[in-house]
């Protein structure tokens, strides 16, 4: 996502929380044949639409937002805050 790749994934686990609002999601289905069919259709639509102006604008916003939210600077500050709070609770 940070490099401008479009993500097509299931909504299983934390993938939705990680990729929203930019990812394209396929509802998980325990019937793997149905999941494969749904995923194939969604992926094909994503590939066909990749170069559209609207999609390219979305991908540009996705790249910028992801690089801000998940940069090393942002992540390191979050971890430092977490450890500082944990240290305060311990004391």
Protein backbone atom coordinates (compact mmCIF):
# COMPACT_ATOMS: atom_id res chain seq x y z
CA UNK A 1 0.00 0.00 0.00
CA UNK A 2 2.84 2.37 0.79
CA UNK A 3 4.32 1.87 -2.67
CA UNK A 4 1.04 2.38 -4.52
CA UNK A 5 -0.03 -1.22 -4.98
CA UNK A 6 -3.73 -1.89 -4.90
CA UNK A 7 -4.71 -4.46 -2.29
CA UNK A 8 -7.35 -7.11 -2.88
CA UNK A 9 -7.83 -9.28 0.19
CA UNK A 10 -10.40 -11.02 2.32
CA UNK A 11 -11.98 -9.25 5.26
CA UNK A 12 -10.66 -11.95 7.59
CA UNK A 13 -8.71 -11.06 10.71
CA UNK A 14 -7.19 -7.60 10.97
CA UNK A 15 -6.82 -7.19 7.22
CA UNK A 16 -9.90 -4.97 7.08
CA UNK A 17 -8.62 -2.71 9.85
CA UNK A 18 -5.18 -2.51 8.26
CA UNK A 19 -6.26 -1.85 4.68
CA UNK A 20 -9.47 0.21 5.09
CA UNK A 21 -10.52 2.48 3.56
CA UNK A 22 -8.26 1.75 0.59
CA UNK A 23 -8.30 -2.01 0.17
CA UNK A 24 -10.78 -3.93 -1.93
CA UNK A 25 -12.32 -6.66 0.19
CA UNK A 26 -13.80 -10.05 -0.53
CA UNK A 27 -16.04 -11.54 2.13
CA UNK A 28 -14.38 -14.63 3.55
CA UNK A 29 -16.22 -17.83 2.72
CA UNK A 30 -15.41 -21.18 4.32
CA UNK A 31 -16.41 -22.82 1.06
CA UNK A 32 -13.06 -22.38 -0.66
CA UNK A 33 -14.48 -22.92 -4.15
CA UNK A 34 -16.86 -19.99 -3.59
CA UNK A 35 -14.09 -17.91 -2.06
CA UNK A 36 -11.89 -18.58 -5.08
CA UNK A 37 -14.69 -17.56 -7.44
CA UNK A 38 -15.49 -14.35 -5.51
CA UNK A 39 -11.81 -13.46 -5.18
CA UNK A 40 -11.18 -14.04 -8.89
CA UNK A 41 -14.07 -11.77 -9.89
CA UNK A 42 -12.95 -9.03 -7.51
CA UNK A 43 -9.33 -9.27 -8.59
CA UNK A 44 -10.28 -9.16 -12.28
CA UNK A 45 -12.39 -6.02 -11.66
CA UNK A 46 -9.51 -4.44 -9.79
CA UNK A 47 -7.09 -5.15 -12.62
CA UNK A 48 -9.50 -3.78 -15.25
CA UNK A 49 -10.06 -0.60 -13.22
CA UNK A 50 -6.46 -0.06 -12.11
CA UNK A 51 -5.56 2.77 -14.51
CA UNK A 52 -8.81 4.71 -14.22
CA UNK A 53 -8.43 8.31 -13.04
CA UNK A 54 -10.57 7.73 -9.96
CA UNK A 55 -8.57 4.65 -8.94
CA UNK A 56 -5.23 6.37 -9.50
CA UNK A 57 -6.37 9.24 -7.24
CA UNK A 58 -7.38 6.70 -4.58
CA UNK A 59 -4.03 4.93 -4.86
CA UNK A 60 -2.13 8.21 -4.56
CA UNK A 61 -4.08 9.08 -1.40
CA UNK A 62 -3.54 5.51 -0.12
CA UNK A 63 0.22 5.79 -0.65
CA UNK A 64 0.43 9.13 1.14
CA UNK A 65 -1.80 8.08 4.05
CA UNK A 66 -0.02 4.76 4.52
CA UNK A 67 3.41 6.36 4.51
CA UNK A 68 2.28 8.81 7.18
CA UNK A 69 0.45 6.28 9.37
CA UNK A 70 3.05 3.52 9.18
CA UNK A 71 6.32 5.40 8.86
CA UNK A 72 9.19 4.42 11.14
CA UNK A 73 8.93 7.83 12.79
CA UNK A 74 5.25 7.35 13.61
CA UNK A 75 5.67 3.73 14.72
CA UNK A 76 8.70 4.49 16.91
CA UNK A 77 6.83 7.30 18.67
CA UNK A 78 3.89 4.98 19.32
CA UNK A 79 6.16 2.31 20.82
CA UNK A 80 8.01 4.85 22.97
CA UNK A 81 4.69 6.15 24.31
CA UNK A 82 3.55 2.60 24.99
CA UNK A 83 6.72 1.75 26.93
CA UNK A 84 6.59 5.01 28.88
CA UNK A 85 2.98 4.31 29.93
CA UNK A 86 3.85 0.73 30.85
CA UNK A 87 6.76 1.97 32.95
CA UNK A 88 4.46 4.43 34.77
CA UNK A 89 1.94 1.67 35.55
CA UNK A 90 4.72 -0.53 36.91
CA UNK A 91 5.97 2.22 39.23
